[in-house]
C-alpha cells in the first residue's frame, strides 16, 4: 500500500483522532478479518513503529513455536559431597536456567525438597551458578520515564532470577504505632521505621504523608520510613531491591533458617563442577501458563527471561543477539521477512524495538492458523474482564483478546476482536506521538469499529 491518506480512515476513528488532538500520521493500523469476506483495512501499515508492550506477542508466539506450550524451566540443586545423616560436608550449588517464575512459594518448596533429599546442615558455601545466560546478557538500563528504579517491572533478567527480586512492604497503622513488615524478611534489607500513627482520616490520601527513602547498595539495602499514617489505614508496596546474586542468596538463607536448616559457609559465584551430585530439580509451570502472566499483566521481566531463553542454546557471546537470531530464523522458516523488525529485549520496554502494523498482523494471522492458537489467544487480556484491559470497553466485555502497550510516547493494542456476527478479526493499532497518552480513546474507537463492523458482503 502506498502513502496512506486520512480520508481512508473510517469516520469514527477520524473523529476520535480529532477529539484527542492527534494527527492521523501518529496512527498505524491493521484490521484483517479472518472469517469473513470484508476487506482488510490498513493505514500506514508498513510504517515501522514502536509497539511498546505488544512486542510481547512476538516473543510469546515465538516461545510457543520454538519451545512448545509444555516447556518448563529447570532450577537444579547440586552438592559437592553426598549428604550423610543430614549433614553436607561440602558446598551447595544452585544452577538457574532462566526460570521466569521462581517465586517465593516455589523457592520455599525447593528448600523443603532439599530437606527431603537429606540435607539439614550445609558445612560449606552457597554457590550460585548464573552462567546459563551469557554474561553480556541484556542488562541494559531502560530510560525509565523518571519512574523509580526499584519498581519491580524494571528488574533486569538473570539466569537465576528469584521472586522477581522483590519484597512486599506492608504498613498498618494501629493505636500503638505503625507496624511495618517485609515479606520475605531478608537479613540484607534493613527497615528503619519512624512512622507515627495519626488521627483516623482519609486512607486514600496516604501517599502524600508517607516518605519512603531507599538506599540500595546491591549487596544490602535500607528502607527508611518517615511521616504519619491515619489510624486504621494500611497499605503495601512491592520493591525490587539488591542485585540478583545478593537477593537469591539472602532469600535462600532466610527461608532455609525458617525451615530449621543451617549453613556455615559464605555466598559466592561459581559453576557446578562436573562431578557434583544432583540433589533435586525444581520445574517451573509450563510455558502456556507463563505467557498468561507475561501477556495479561504485561510482565516485562518474565518476557525478557523468555526472550533470552530462546537464544540460550545458540553458540555465541551475547544472549540478546542470539535470541534475535533465533527469532529471525524462525520467521524465515514460516516464510516471513520482517526487514523493519528490531528487538532489544523482547518485552517492548525499549526505545529501540519496532515493527510495522502489517507485520504484527501477519504474525497474529499465522498464530491463529497454527496449532497453539488457543494457548496463544487465551494468554491475552480479555476486554473488560481481566489483565491490562480490565477497566476498558465494558460494552465489548469478553468479545476481544487484546494485548496493550504503553510507553511515554506510545499507546498500542494488538489482538483478536469478534464482530457482531461472531466472526474474528486481527486488529493492530500503534500510536507513536509525544502526546500518545491522549490516544486511548482512539484505540478504543478502533476496537469498537472492528467489533461493530457489519459484514456487508453476505446476505
Protein backbone atom coordinates (compact mmCIF):
# COMPACT_ATOMS: atom_id res chain seq x y z
CA UNK A 1 0.00 0.00 0.00
CA UNK A 2 1.31 3.41 -0.91
CA UNK A 3 1.14 6.58 1.14
CA UNK A 4 -1.93 6.41 3.39
CA UNK A 5 -4.41 9.26 3.44
CA UNK A 6 -6.52 10.18 6.43
CA UNK A 7 -9.60 10.09 4.21
CA UNK A 8 -9.18 6.31 4.04
CA UNK A 9 -9.88 6.05 7.77
CA UNK A 10 -13.41 5.29 8.98
CA UNK A 11 -15.28 8.35 10.28
CA UNK A 12 -15.44 7.01 13.86
CA UNK A 13 -11.64 6.71 14.02
CA UNK A 14 -11.06 10.10 12.38
CA UNK A 15 -13.35 11.81 14.87
CA UNK A 16 -11.63 10.07 17.80
CA UNK A 17 -8.25 11.33 16.49
CA UNK A 18 -9.68 14.84 16.19
CA UNK A 19 -11.10 14.76 19.73
CA UNK A 20 -7.71 13.56 21.05
CA UNK A 21 -5.95 16.35 19.11
CA UNK A 22 -3.70 13.77 17.44
CA UNK A 23 -2.65 13.92 13.78
CA UNK A 24 -3.58 10.93 11.61
CA UNK A 25 0.16 10.44 10.89
CA UNK A 26 0.59 9.32 14.52
CA UNK A 27 -1.52 6.23 13.75
CA UNK A 28 -0.53 2.86 12.26
CA UNK A 29 -3.41 0.45 11.79
CA UNK A 30 -4.29 -3.03 10.53
CA UNK A 31 -7.72 -4.65 10.74
CA UNK A 32 -7.76 -8.03 8.98
CA UNK A 33 -10.94 -10.17 9.01
CA UNK A 34 -10.12 -13.86 9.47
CA UNK A 35 -13.55 -15.39 8.88
CA UNK A 36 -15.45 -13.01 6.64
CA UNK A 37 -15.12 -11.56 3.16
CA UNK A 38 -14.82 -7.99 4.41
CA UNK A 39 -11.73 -6.21 3.03
CA UNK A 40 -8.66 -5.75 5.21
CA UNK A 41 -8.10 -2.18 6.36
CA UNK A 42 -4.56 -0.83 6.62
CA UNK A 43 -3.49 2.71 7.46
CA UNK A 44 0.27 3.41 7.38
CA UNK A 45 0.52 -0.35 7.72
CA UNK A 46 4.12 -0.56 6.53
CA UNK A 47 5.50 2.25 8.67
CA UNK A 48 7.97 0.98 11.32
CA UNK A 49 6.55 1.88 14.73
CA UNK A 50 7.31 1.36 18.40
CA UNK A 51 4.87 -1.34 19.56
CA UNK A 52 5.61 -0.90 23.31
CA UNK A 53 4.46 -4.00 25.19
CA UNK A 54 2.59 -5.51 22.24
CA UNK A 55 6.09 -6.75 21.29
CA UNK A 56 5.48 -9.42 23.96
CA UNK A 57 3.17 -11.09 21.41
CA UNK A 58 6.14 -11.69 19.10
CA UNK A 59 8.19 -13.11 22.00
CA UNK A 60 5.41 -15.30 23.39
CA UNK A 61 4.34 -16.69 20.00
CA UNK A 62 7.99 -17.44 19.15
CA UNK A 63 8.27 -19.15 22.55
CA UNK A 64 5.23 -21.35 21.91
CA UNK A 65 6.55 -22.30 18.46
CA UNK A 66 10.22 -22.85 19.35
CA UNK A 67 9.92 -24.32 22.87
CA UNK A 68 6.37 -25.70 22.84
CA UNK A 69 3.45 -24.99 25.23
CA UNK A 70 4.55 -27.75 27.67
CA UNK A 71 8.12 -26.40 28.03
CA UNK A 72 9.33 -26.00 31.62
CA UNK A 73 12.39 -24.21 33.04
CA UNK A 74 14.56 -26.12 35.48
CA UNK A 75 16.44 -24.92 38.55
CA UNK A 76 18.91 -27.54 39.77
CA UNK A 77 20.44 -28.01 43.21
CA UNK A 78 23.76 -29.90 43.47
CA UNK A 79 26.21 -30.76 46.22
CA UNK A 80 29.96 -31.35 46.14
CA UNK A 81 29.58 -34.32 48.51
CA UNK A 82 26.90 -36.83 49.42
CA UNK A 83 24.86 -35.76 52.47
CA UNK A 84 25.33 -38.11 55.47
CA UNK A 85 22.87 -38.11 58.38
CA UNK A 86 21.53 -34.73 57.30
CA UNK A 87 24.99 -33.14 57.10
CA UNK A 88 26.50 -31.94 53.85
CA UNK A 89 30.28 -31.69 54.31
CA UNK A 90 30.77 -29.56 51.23
CA UNK A 91 29.27 -26.80 49.09
CA UNK A 92 25.70 -26.45 47.85
CA UNK A 93 25.22 -25.28 44.24
CA UNK A 94 22.09 -23.75 42.73
CA UNK A 95 22.07 -23.53 38.92
CA UNK A 96 19.46 -21.44 37.15
CA UNK A 97 18.21 -21.89 33.60
CA UNK A 98 16.24 -18.65 33.29
CA UNK A 99 13.03 -19.65 35.11
CA UNK A 100 10.77 -16.56 34.88
CA UNK A 101 8.57 -17.69 37.79
CA UNK A 102 10.77 -18.97 40.61
CA UNK A 103 8.58 -17.11 43.11
CA UNK A 104 8.59 -17.12 46.91
CA UNK A 105 6.32 -20.15 47.25
CA UNK A 106 8.28 -22.26 44.76
CA UNK A 107 11.60 -21.27 46.31
CA UNK A 108 10.25 -22.37 49.72
CA UNK A 109 9.11 -25.70 48.23
CA UNK A 110 12.54 -26.17 46.63
CA UNK A 111 14.18 -25.86 50.05
CA UNK A 112 11.63 -28.22 51.59
CA UNK A 113 12.58 -30.72 48.87
CA UNK A 114 16.24 -30.15 49.79
CA UNK A 115 15.46 -31.29 53.33
CA UNK A 116 13.56 -34.29 51.96
CA UNK A 117 16.69 -35.07 49.86
CA UNK A 118 18.59 -35.50 53.15
CA UNK A 119 20.17 -32.10 53.82
CA UNK A 120 19.74 -30.31 57.14
CA UNK A 121 23.13 -28.71 57.71
CA UNK A 122 25.42 -27.34 55.00
CA UNK A 123 29.06 -27.16 56.17
CA UNK A 124 30.24 -25.34 53.09
CA UNK A 125 29.41 -22.41 50.82
CA UNK A 126 26.29 -21.45 48.94
CA UNK A 127 27.42 -21.26 45.30
CA UNK A 128 25.18 -19.61 42.70
CA UNK A 129 25.66 -20.72 39.07
CA UNK A 130 24.28 -17.94 36.86
CA UNK A 131 26.19 -18.96 33.73
CA UNK A 132 23.28 -20.10 31.54
CA UNK A 133 22.65 -16.66 30.04
CA UNK A 134 25.81 -15.09 28.62
CA UNK A 135 27.30 -12.54 30.98
CA UNK A 136 26.90 -9.77 28.41
CA UNK A 137 23.20 -10.64 28.58
CA UNK A 138 20.58 -7.97 28.17
CA UNK A 139 21.29 -5.91 31.25
CA UNK A 140 20.97 -2.55 29.52
CA UNK A 141 19.28 0.05 31.68
CA UNK A 142 15.96 1.33 30.43
CA UNK A 143 15.27 5.05 30.03
CA UNK A 144 12.51 4.67 32.59
CA UNK A 145 10.43 7.81 32.09
CA UNK A 146 11.53 9.03 35.51
CA UNK A 147 9.96 6.06 37.28
CA UNK A 148 11.59 4.92 40.50
CA UNK A 149 14.43 2.46 39.77
CA UNK A 150 13.15 -0.03 42.35
CA UNK A 151 9.83 -0.66 40.58
CA UNK A 152 9.59 -4.44 40.01
CA UNK A 153 8.74 -4.01 36.31
CA UNK A 154 12.25 -2.64 35.70
CA UNK A 155 14.07 -5.72 37.07
CA UNK A 156 16.68 -6.96 34.59
CA UNK A 157 16.79 -10.64 33.58
CA UNK A 158 19.07 -13.22 35.14
CA UNK A 159 19.52 -16.97 34.66
CA UNK A 160 18.94 -17.36 38.41
CA UNK A 161 16.09 -14.86 38.89
CA UNK A 162 14.19 -15.40 42.14
CA UNK A 163 10.87 -13.86 43.19
CA UNK A 164 11.36 -11.01 40.68
CA UNK A 165 13.97 -9.72 43.17
CA UNK A 166 11.12 -8.18 45.15
CA UNK A 167 9.95 -7.62 48.72
CA UNK A 168 6.46 -6.66 49.84
CA UNK A 169 6.44 -3.76 52.30
CA UNK A 170 3.26 -3.82 54.42
CA UNK A 171 2.26 -0.92 56.70
CA UNK A 172 -0.59 -0.95 59.21
CA UNK A 173 -1.46 1.96 61.49
CA UNK A 174 -2.58 0.89 64.98
CA UNK A 175 -3.09 2.65 68.32
CA UNK A 176 0.38 1.57 69.44
CA UNK A 177 2.03 2.92 66.30
CA UNK A 178 2.67 1.92 62.68
CA UNK A 179 3.59 -1.74 62.17
CA UNK A 180 5.93 -2.23 59.19
CA UNK A 181 6.92 -5.64 57.84
CA UNK A 182 8.79 -7.08 54.88
CA UNK A 183 7.98 -10.32 53.08
CA UNK A 184 10.31 -12.07 52.57
CA UNK A 185 12.20 -10.79 55.60
CA UNK A 186 15.79 -10.63 54.34
CA UNK A 187 18.77 -10.06 56.64
CA UNK A 188 20.37 -7.85 53.97
CA UNK A 189 17.41 -5.43 53.87
CA UNK A 190 17.16 -3.08 56.85
CA UNK A 191 13.87 -1.38 57.74
CA UNK A 192 14.11 1.97 59.58
CA UNK A 193 10.51 2.72 60.54
CA UNK A 194 9.90 6.12 62.10
CA UNK A 195 6.27 6.46 61.04
CA UNK A 196 3.77 7.70 63.58
CA UNK A 197 0.06 6.96 63.93
CA UNK A 198 -2.16 9.98 63.37
CA UNK A 199 -5.87 10.51 63.99
CA UNK A 200 -8.26 8.46 61.84
CA UNK A 201 -8.58 10.08 58.46
CA UNK A 202 -8.70 9.62 54.71
CA UNK A 203 -6.71 6.49 53.80
CA UNK A 204 -6.81 7.46 50.11
CA UNK A 205 -4.58 10.48 50.82
CA UNK A 206 -1.99 8.22 52.43
CA UNK A 207 0.78 8.61 49.84
CA UNK A 208 1.24 12.33 50.37
CA UNK A 209 2.04 11.83 54.06
CA UNK A 210 4.41 8.91 53.63
CA UNK A 211 8.08 9.49 52.95
CA UNK A 212 9.85 6.43 51.60
CA UNK A 213 13.61 6.57 51.03
CA UNK A 214 15.61 3.67 49.68
CA UNK A 215 19.36 3.25 49.81
CA UNK A 216 20.02 0.27 47.53
CA UNK A 217 23.70 -0.76 47.63
CA UNK A 218 23.30 -4.01 45.69
CA UNK A 219 24.60 -6.35 48.38
CA UNK A 220 22.41 -4.65 51.00
CA UNK A 221 19.59 -2.12 51.17
CA UNK A 222 17.95 0.19 53.68
CA UNK A 223 14.33 1.36 53.61
CA UNK A 224 13.64 4.49 55.68
CA UNK A 225 10.05 5.47 56.51
CA UNK A 226 9.04 8.91 57.80
CA UNK A 227 5.76 10.75 58.23
CA UNK A 228 2.42 9.72 59.67
CA UNK A 229 -0.43 7.34 58.84
CA UNK A 230 -4.06 7.83 59.90
CA UNK A 231 -5.22 5.25 62.44
CA UNK A 232 -6.79 2.16 60.90
CA UNK A 233 -5.17 2.63 57.47
CA UNK A 234 -2.97 0.04 55.80
CA UNK A 235 -1.02 -0.09 52.58
CA UNK A 236 1.54 -2.24 50.78
CA UNK A 237 4.14 -1.78 48.09
CA UNK A 238 6.38 -4.09 46.11
CA UNK A 239 10.01 -3.04 45.85
CA UNK A 240 12.79 -4.65 43.82
CA UNK A 241 15.99 -4.47 45.86
CA UNK A 242 19.59 -5.77 45.93
CA UNK A 243 21.45 -7.26 42.97
CA UNK A 244 20.47 -10.68 41.64
CA UNK A 245 23.02 -12.88 43.48
CA UNK A 246 22.64 -10.99 46.77
CA UNK A 247 18.85 -11.29 46.62
CA UNK A 248 18.86 -15.01 45.79
CA UNK A 249 21.48 -15.82 48.45
CA UNK A 250 19.63 -13.77 51.07
CA UNK A 251 16.31 -15.40 50.15
CA UNK A 252 17.91 -18.84 50.44
CA UNK A 253 19.34 -18.09 53.88
CA UNK A 254 16.10 -16.58 55.18
CA UNK A 255 13.87 -19.46 54.04
CA UNK A 256 16.46 -22.12 54.95
CA UNK A 257 16.66 -20.79 58.52
CA UNK A 258 12.84 -20.64 58.72
CA UNK A 259 12.78 -24.36 57.91
CA UNK A 260 15.37 -25.13 60.60
CA UNK A 261 18.26 -25.51 58.17
CA UNK A 262 21.85 -24.48 58.94
CA UNK A 263 24.58 -23.20 56.60
CA UNK A 264 28.06 -22.23 57.79
CA UNK A 265 29.86 -21.09 54.63
CA UNK A 266 29.77 -17.89 52.58
CA UNK A 267 27.92 -16.92 49.40
CA UNK A 268 29.88 -17.00 46.17
CA UNK A 269 29.54 -17.24 42.41
CA UNK A 270 30.71 -20.36 40.59
CA UNK A 271 29.93 -23.08 38.08
CA UNK A 272 28.63 -26.52 39.03
CA UNK A 273 31.59 -28.95 38.84
CA UNK A 274 31.22 -31.95 36.53
CA UNK A 275 31.44 -34.40 39.44
CA UNK A 276 28.78 -32.67 41.57
CA UNK A 277 25.77 -34.69 42.71
CA UNK A 278 22.31 -33.62 41.57
CA UNK A 279 20.09 -33.44 44.66
CA UNK A 280 16.91 -32.11 43.09
CA UNK A 281 15.36 -30.34 40.10
CA UNK A 282 12.68 -27.71 40.56
CA UNK A 283 10.46 -27.28 37.48
CA UNK A 284 8.53 -24.15 36.53
CA UNK A 285 4.90 -24.04 35.41
CA UNK A 286 4.59 -24.78 31.69
CA UNK A 287 5.16 -22.11 29.05
CA UNK A 288 1.43 -21.85 28.23
CA UNK A 289 0.86 -20.75 31.87
CA UNK A 290 3.87 -18.42 31.95
CA UNK A 291 2.80 -16.47 28.83
CA UNK A 292 -0.54 -15.73 30.53
CA UNK A 293 1.41 -13.80 33.20
CA UNK A 294 3.54 -12.16 30.51
CA UNK A 295 0.65 -11.00 28.32
CA UNK A 296 -2.31 -10.48 30.68
CA UNK A 297 -0.28 -8.47 33.20
CA UNK A 298 2.44 -7.25 30.80
CA UNK A 299 5.27 -8.62 32.93
CA UNK A 300 8.46 -7.19 31.39
CA UNK A 301 10.98 -9.21 33.39
CA UNK A 302 9.28 -12.54 32.62
CA UNK A 303 9.12 -11.58 28.92
CA UNK A 304 12.84 -10.82 28.94
CA UNK A 305 13.56 -14.17 30.62
CA UNK A 306 11.59 -15.95 27.88
CA UNK A 307 13.30 -13.91 25.15
CA UNK A 308 16.79 -14.82 26.41
CA UNK A 309 15.73 -18.47 26.76
CA UNK A 310 15.00 -18.59 23.02
CA UNK A 311 18.67 -17.99 22.22
CA UNK A 312 20.28 -19.76 25.17
CA UNK A 313 21.13 -22.90 23.21
CA UNK A 314 22.86 -20.91 20.44
CA UNK A 315 26.61 -20.51 20.09
CA UNK A 316 27.90 -17.00 20.67
CA UNK A 317 28.50 -14.44 23.37
CA UNK A 318 25.60 -12.03 23.65
CA UNK A 319 22.36 -13.69 24.74
CA UNK A 320 20.18 -10.89 23.36
CA UNK A 321 21.74 -11.12 19.88
CA UNK A 322 21.39 -14.93 19.93
CA UNK A 323 17.70 -14.60 20.75
CA UNK A 324 17.09 -12.15 17.90
CA UNK A 325 18.90 -14.51 15.52
CA UNK A 326 16.69 -17.40 16.70
CA UNK A 327 13.52 -15.35 16.15
CA UNK A 328 14.70 -14.17 12.71
CA UNK A 329 15.38 -17.78 11.66
CA UNK A 330 12.00 -18.86 12.98
CA UNK A 331 10.24 -16.11 10.98
CA UNK A 332 12.14 -17.16 7.84
CA UNK A 333 11.07 -20.77 8.39
CA UNK A 334 7.46 -19.53 8.34
CA UNK A 335 8.09 -17.64 5.08
CA UNK A 336 8.19 -14.23 6.75
CA UNK A 337 10.70 -11.44 6.19
CA UNK A 338 10.21 -8.51 8.54
CA UNK A 339 13.04 -6.21 7.45
CA UNK A 340 11.98 -3.41 9.81
CA UNK A 341 11.77 -5.64 12.91
CA UNK A 342 14.11 -4.62 15.74
CA UNK A 343 14.15 -6.43 19.07
CA UNK A 344 16.34 -5.46 22.00
CA UNK A 345 14.88 -7.45 24.88
CA UNK A 346 11.56 -8.87 23.65
CA UNK A 347 9.41 -7.05 26.22
CA UNK A 348 8.71 -3.78 24.41
CA UNK A 349 10.22 -1.86 27.35
CA UNK A 350 12.69 -0.31 24.94
CA UNK A 351 13.28 2.75 22.81
CA UNK A 352 14.81 0.62 20.03
CA UNK A 353 12.18 -2.06 19.37
CA UNK A 354 10.00 -1.62 16.30
CA UNK A 355 7.67 -3.49 13.91
CA UNK A 356 5.04 -2.44 11.37
CA UNK A 357 1.31 -2.86 11.98
CA UNK A 358 1.06 -5.06 8.87
CA UNK A 359 3.75 -7.44 10.07
CA UNK A 360 2.36 -7.65 13.59
CA UNK A 361 -0.99 -8.53 11.98
CA UNK A 362 0.73 -11.13 9.74
CA UNK A 363 2.18 -12.76 12.85
CA UNK A 364 -1.21 -12.84 14.60
CA UNK A 365 -2.81 -14.38 11.49
CA UNK A 366 -0.07 -17.03 11.47
CA UNK A 367 -0.74 -17.77 15.15
CA UNK A 368 -4.49 -18.03 14.53
CA UNK A 369 -3.82 -20.67 11.87
CA UNK A 370 -1.25 -22.57 13.97
CA UNK A 371 -1.58 -25.49 16.39
CA UNK A 372 -1.21 -23.37 19.54
CA UNK A 373 -3.81 -20.72 18.67
CA UNK A 374 -5.92 -21.45 21.77
CA UNK A 375 -2.95 -21.18 24.16
CA UNK A 376 -1.71 -18.00 22.50
CA UNK A 377 -5.03 -16.17 22.34
CA UNK A 378 -6.03 -17.09 25.89
CA UNK A 379 -2.77 -15.55 27.18
CA UNK A 380 -4.03 -12.06 26.23
CA UNK A 381 -6.23 -9.81 28.37
CA UNK A 382 -9.98 -10.30 27.91
CA UNK A 383 -11.56 -6.92 27.22
CA UNK A 384 -13.38 -5.50 30.29
CA UNK A 385 -12.68 -8.67 32.30
CA UNK A 386 -9.02 -9.10 33.24
CA UNK A 387 -5.39 -8.08 32.88
CA UNK A 388 -4.49 -4.67 31.50
CA UNK A 389 -7.89 -4.41 29.69
CA UNK A 390 -9.99 -4.99 32.82
CA UNK A 391 -11.37 -1.45 33.05
CA UNK A 392 -11.89 -0.71 29.37
CA UNK A 393 -14.73 -1.14 26.85
CA UNK A 394 -17.45 -2.56 29.11
CA UNK A 395 -19.79 -2.67 26.10
CA UNK A 396 -17.47 -5.28 24.50
CA UNK A 397 -16.88 -7.44 27.58
CA UNK A 398 -15.35 -10.78 26.58
CA UNK A 399 -15.56 -10.02 22.85
CA UNK A 400 -11.83 -9.42 22.32
CA UNK A 401 -8.43 -10.63 23.49
CA UNK A 402 -6.17 -7.57 23.37
CA UNK A 403 -2.56 -7.02 24.41
CA UNK A 404 -1.89 -3.40 25.35
CA UNK A 405 1.27 -1.33 25.11
CA UNK A 406 2.29 1.83 26.98
CA UNK A 407 5.45 3.93 26.87
CA UNK A 408 5.86 7.66 27.39
CA UNK A 409 5.19 8.45 23.71
CA UNK A 410 3.44 5.23 22.65
CA UNK A 411 -0.01 3.70 23.08
CA UNK A 412 -0.67 0.40 21.35
CA UNK A 413 -3.03 -2.55 21.16
CA UNK A 414 -2.97 -5.81 19.21
CA UNK A 415 -5.02 -8.97 19.27
CA UNK A 416 -8.27 -10.58 18.20
CA UNK A 417 -11.74 -8.98 18.09
CA UNK A 418 -15.05 -10.77 17.48
CA UNK A 419 -17.57 -8.77 15.46
CA UNK A 420 -21.33 -8.66 15.99
CA UNK A 421 -21.74 -11.81 13.90
CA UNK A 422 -19.26 -13.81 15.94
CA UNK A 423 -16.52 -13.58 13.30
CA UNK A 424 -12.96 -12.73 14.33
CA UNK A 425 -10.58 -10.08 13.01
CA UNK A 426 -6.96 -9.36 13.81
CA UNK A 427 -6.56 -5.77 15.00
CA UNK A 428 -3.28 -3.88 15.43
CA UNK A 429 -3.11 -0.20 16.32
CA UNK A 430 0.02 1.80 17.18
CA UNK A 431 0.04 5.47 18.19
CA UNK A 432 3.54 6.98 18.17
CA UNK A 433 3.46 10.64 19.15
CA UNK A 434 4.68 12.88 22.01
CA UNK A 435 1.01 13.21 23.09
CA UNK A 436 0.27 9.50 22.67
CA UNK A 437 -1.17 9.37 26.20
CA UNK A 438 -4.27 11.12 24.79
CA UNK A 439 -4.73 8.24 22.34
CA UNK A 440 -6.54 5.64 24.45
CA UNK A 441 -9.99 6.74 23.18
CA UNK A 442 -8.63 6.37 19.61
CA UNK A 443 -7.57 2.79 20.31
CA UNK A 444 -10.94 2.07 21.90
CA UNK A 445 -12.65 3.55 18.82
CA UNK A 446 -10.64 1.20 16.57
CA UNK A 447 -11.56 -1.82 18.69
CA UNK A 448 -15.26 -0.80 18.73
CA UNK A 449 -15.18 -0.27 14.96
CA UNK A 450 -13.80 -3.79 14.41
CA UNK A 451 -16.42 -5.21 16.79
CA UNK A 452 -19.40 -3.42 15.19
CA UNK A 453 -18.25 -3.79 11.58
CA UNK A 454 -21.14 -5.39 9.69
CA UNK A 455 -20.43 -7.97 7.01
CA UNK A 456 -21.99 -6.14 4.10
CA UNK A 457 -20.79 -8.77 1.61
CA UNK A 458 -23.02 -11.55 2.99
CA UNK A 459 -26.77 -11.85 2.89
